[in-house]
Amino acid sequence: YNILSLYMKIFLKTGKKLLIIRNPMLWALIFNLLNIFIFWIIYYFLLEDFEFRGVSDLKSNRKESAMDLLLLSTTIQAGVGITNVYPKTTLTSWLLVLQQLIMISGNILAFYINTTK
């Protein structure tokens, strides 16, 4: 086996010869993971525009880190919305709203595509 044939066996469904990449749920997963990554990078560049409001963070004078912003991005994309990192500026507030709207729209689109087959 060469690497290409192994790759094709992994990424092709047998029987119907339907590519897995045509599966709308897989695309929904990729879409969500990509949004988490993109917004994490954006939030990281705007690190100073976020603050902590957790009691344990106030006591320890802990600074925001890239991991905290990954948690923020993942929490927003998952639709949970509970985190201890909050926006301090209007720009970062709008970015959080934008991520939420993209998440909602993407999930509705994935649901629609998956149910209209």
C-alpha atoms as a PDB file:
ATOM      1  CA  TYR A   1       0.000   0.000   0.000  1.00  0.00           C
ATOM      2  CA  ASN A   2       1.161   3.445  -0.731  1.00  0.00           C
ATOM      3  CA  ILE A   3       0.054   6.388   1.373  1.00  0.00           C
ATOM      4  CA  LEU A   4      -2.458   7.623  -1.226  1.00  0.00           C
ATOM      5  CA  SER A   5      -4.355   4.334  -1.414  1.00  0.00           C
ATOM      6  CA  LEU A   6      -4.448   4.134   2.378  1.00  0.00           C
ATOM      7  CA  TYR A   7      -5.749   7.706   2.469  1.00  0.00           C
ATOM      8  CA  MET A   8      -8.471   6.859  -0.062  1.00  0.00           C
ATOM      9  CA  LYS A   9      -9.563   3.769   1.903  1.00  0.00           C
ATOM     10  CA  ILE A  10      -9.885   5.807   5.071  1.00  0.00           C
ATOM     11  CA  PHE A  11     -11.776   8.687   3.494  1.00  0.00           C
ATOM     12  CA  LEU A  12     -14.088   6.762   1.179  1.00  0.00           C
ATOM     13  CA  LYS A  13     -17.166   4.916   2.303  1.00  0.00           C
ATOM     14  CA  THR A  14     -17.518   1.500   0.766  1.00  0.00           C
ATOM     15  CA  GLY A  15     -20.683   0.369  -0.972  1.00  0.00           C
ATOM     16  CA  LYS A  16     -22.202   3.659  -2.053  1.00  0.00           C
ATOM     17  CA  LYS A  17     -18.810   5.212  -2.926  1.00  0.00           C
ATOM     18  CA  LEU A  18     -19.877   8.380  -1.147  1.00  0.00           C
ATOM     19  CA  LEU A  19     -17.091  10.618   0.026  1.00  0.00           C
ATOM     20  CA  ILE A  20     -17.114  11.298   3.734  1.00  0.00           C
ATOM     21  CA  ILE A  21     -16.299  14.924   2.969  1.00  0.00           C
ATOM     22  CA  ARG A  22     -19.779  15.207   1.441  1.00  0.00           C
ATOM     23  CA  ASN A  23     -21.327  14.429   4.810  1.00  0.00           C
ATOM     24  CA  PRO A  24     -22.944  17.663   6.097  1.00  0.00           C
ATOM     25  CA  MET A  25     -22.358  16.756   9.731  1.00  0.00           C
ATOM     26  CA  LEU A  26     -18.625  16.420   9.104  1.00  0.00           C
ATOM     27  CA  TRP A  27     -18.662  19.832   7.436  1.00  0.00           C
ATOM     28  CA  ALA A  28     -20.540  21.227  10.445  1.00  0.00           C
ATOM     29  CA  LEU A  29     -17.792  19.882  12.703  1.00  0.00           C
ATOM     30  CA  ILE A  30     -15.061  21.352  10.503  1.00  0.00           C
ATOM     31  CA  PHE A  31     -16.955  24.666  10.341  1.00  0.00           C
ATOM     32  CA  ASN A  32     -17.234  24.865  14.128  1.00  0.00           C
ATOM     33  CA  LEU A  33     -13.609  23.895  14.761  1.00  0.00           C
ATOM     34  CA  LEU A  34     -12.434  26.425  12.184  1.00  0.00           C
ATOM     35  CA  ASN A  35     -14.509  29.167  13.821  1.00  0.00           C
ATOM     36  CA  ILE A  36     -13.069  28.305  17.232  1.00  0.00           C
ATOM     37  CA  PHE A  37      -9.545  28.587  15.845  1.00  0.00           C
ATOM     38  CA  ILE A  38     -10.148  31.817  13.882  1.00  0.00           C
ATOM     39  CA  PHE A  39     -11.834  33.614  16.781  1.00  0.00           C
ATOM     40  CA  TRP A  40      -9.202  32.334  19.219  1.00  0.00           C
ATOM     41  CA  ILE A  41      -6.523  34.017  17.097  1.00  0.00           C
ATOM     42  CA  ILE A  42      -8.573  37.234  16.873  1.00  0.00           C
ATOM     43  CA  TYR A  43      -9.185  37.251  20.632  1.00  0.00           C
ATOM     44  CA  TYR A  44      -5.504  36.606  21.279  1.00  0.00           C
ATOM     45  CA  PHE A  45      -4.523  39.705  19.291  1.00  0.00           C
ATOM     46  CA  LEU A  46      -7.033  41.656  21.389  1.00  0.00           C
ATOM     47  CA  LEU A  47      -5.889  40.093  24.681  1.00  0.00           C
ATOM     48  CA  GLU A  48      -5.785  43.438  26.510  1.00  0.00           C
ATOM     49  CA  ASP A  49      -9.453  44.059  25.638  1.00  0.00           C
ATOM     50  CA  PHE A  50     -10.632  41.190  27.869  1.00  0.00           C
ATOM     51  CA  GLU A  51     -10.788  40.876  31.651  1.00  0.00           C
ATOM     52  CA  PHE A  52     -11.425  38.272  34.312  1.00  0.00           C
ATOM     53  CA  ARG A  53     -14.382  38.494  36.658  1.00  0.00           C
ATOM     54  CA  GLY A  54     -13.963  35.276  38.594  1.00  0.00           C
ATOM     55  CA  VAL A  55     -13.410  35.454  42.371  1.00  0.00           C
ATOM     56  CA  SER A  56     -10.419  33.104  42.292  1.00  0.00           C
ATOM     57  CA  ASP A  57      -8.848  35.174  39.507  1.00  0.00           C
ATOM     58  CA  LEU A  58      -9.232  38.405  41.464  1.00  0.00           C
ATOM     59  CA  LYS A  59      -7.534  36.872  44.515  1.00  0.00           C
ATOM     60  CA  SER A  60      -4.596  35.499  42.548  1.00  0.00           C
ATOM     61  CA  ASN A  61      -4.170  38.524  40.223  1.00  0.00           C
ATOM     62  CA  ARG A  62      -3.996  36.030  37.385  1.00  0.00           C
ATOM     63  CA  LYS A  63      -3.545  37.434  33.880  1.00  0.00           C
ATOM     64  CA  GLU A  64      -5.418  36.276  30.804  1.00  0.00           C
ATOM     65  CA  SER A  65      -3.623  33.685  28.720  1.00  0.00           C
ATOM     66  CA  ALA A  66      -4.047  32.178  25.279  1.00  0.00           C
ATOM     67  CA  MET A  67      -5.649  29.125  26.879  1.00  0.00           C
ATOM     68  CA  ASP A  68      -8.312  31.265  28.536  1.00  0.00           C
ATOM     69  CA  LEU A  69      -9.152  32.806  25.185  1.00  0.00           C
ATOM     70  CA  LEU A  70      -9.363  29.329  23.617  1.00  0.00           C
ATOM     71  CA  LEU A  71     -11.828  28.461  26.378  1.00  0.00           C
ATOM     72  CA  LEU A  72     -13.794  31.634  25.577  1.00  0.00           C
ATOM     73  CA  SER A  73     -13.883  30.878  21.849  1.00  0.00           C
ATOM     74  CA  THR A  74     -14.859  27.239  22.418  1.00  0.00           C
ATOM     75  CA  THR A  75     -17.543  28.177  24.945  1.00  0.00           C
ATOM     76  CA  ILE A  76     -19.090  30.731  22.590  1.00  0.00           C
ATOM     77  CA  GLN A  77     -18.989  28.334  19.617  1.00  0.00           C
ATOM     78  CA  ALA A  78     -20.536  25.539  21.688  1.00  0.00           C
ATOM     79  CA  GLY A  79     -23.408  27.824  22.608  1.00  0.00           C
ATOM     80  CA  VAL A  80     -22.752  27.543  26.338  1.00  0.00           C
ATOM     81  CA  GLY A  81     -21.695  31.141  26.878  1.00  0.00           C
ATOM     82  CA  ILE A  82     -20.435  30.767  30.468  1.00  0.00           C
ATOM     83  CA  THR A  83     -16.844  31.805  31.036  1.00  0.00           C
ATOM     84  CA  ASN A  84     -14.856  34.046  33.346  1.00  0.00           C
ATOM     85  CA  VAL A  85     -13.360  36.133  30.527  1.00  0.00           C
ATOM     86  CA  TYR A  86     -15.421  39.182  29.570  1.00  0.00           C
ATOM     87  CA  PRO A  87     -15.002  41.862  26.907  1.00  0.00           C
ATOM     88  CA  LYS A  88     -13.889  45.310  28.059  1.00  0.00           C
ATOM     89  CA  THR A  89     -14.463  47.166  24.776  1.00  0.00           C
ATOM     90  CA  THR A  90     -17.257  47.581  22.276  1.00  0.00           C
ATOM     91  CA  LEU A  91     -15.127  45.932  19.586  1.00  0.00           C
ATOM     92  CA  THR A  92     -14.651  42.735  21.570  1.00  0.00           C
ATOM     93  CA  SER A  93     -18.338  42.704  22.498  1.00  0.00           C
ATOM     94  CA  TRP A  94     -19.249  42.903  18.823  1.00  0.00           C
ATOM     95  CA  LEU A  95     -16.797  40.115  17.998  1.00  0.00           C
ATOM     96  CA  LEU A  96     -18.430  37.855  20.595  1.00  0.00           C
ATOM     97  CA  VAL A  97     -21.855  38.635  19.117  1.00  0.00           C
ATOM     98  CA  LEU A  98     -20.525  37.973  15.607  1.00  0.00           C
ATOM     99  CA  GLN A  99     -19.157  34.585  16.663  1.00  0.00           C
ATOM    100  CA  GLN A 100     -22.493  33.702  18.249  1.00  0.00           C
ATOM    101  CA  LEU A 101     -24.406  34.687  15.090  1.00  0.00           C
ATOM    102  CA  ILE A 102     -22.024  32.687  12.902  1.00  0.00           C
ATOM    103  CA  MET A 103     -22.439  29.689  15.230  1.00  0.00           C
ATOM    104  CA  ILE A 104     -26.236  29.892  15.160  1.00  0.00           C
ATOM    105  CA  SER A 105     -26.365  30.361  11.384  1.00  0.00           C
ATOM    106  CA  GLY A 106     -23.926  27.537  10.740  1.00  0.00           C
ATOM    107  CA  ASN A 107     -25.810  25.111  12.956  1.00  0.00           C
ATOM    108  CA  ILE A 108     -29.155  25.966  11.365  1.00  0.00           C
ATOM    109  CA  LEU A 109     -27.646  25.544   7.898  1.00  0.00           C
ATOM    110  CA  ALA A 110     -26.104  22.186   8.832  1.00  0.00           C
ATOM    111  CA  PHE A 111     -29.384  21.010  10.309  1.00  0.00           C
ATOM    112  CA  TYR A 112     -31.288  22.121   7.195  1.00  0.00           C
ATOM    113  CA  ILE A 113     -28.859  20.440   4.797  1.00  0.00           C
ATOM    114  CA  ASN A 114     -28.836  17.239   6.847  1.00  0.00           C
ATOM    115  CA  THR A 115     -32.641  17.004   6.998  1.00  0.00           C
ATOM    116  CA  THR A 116     -33.367  17.819   3.347  1.00  0.00           C
ATOM    117  CA  LYS A 117     -31.526  14.879   1.824  1.00  0.00           C
END
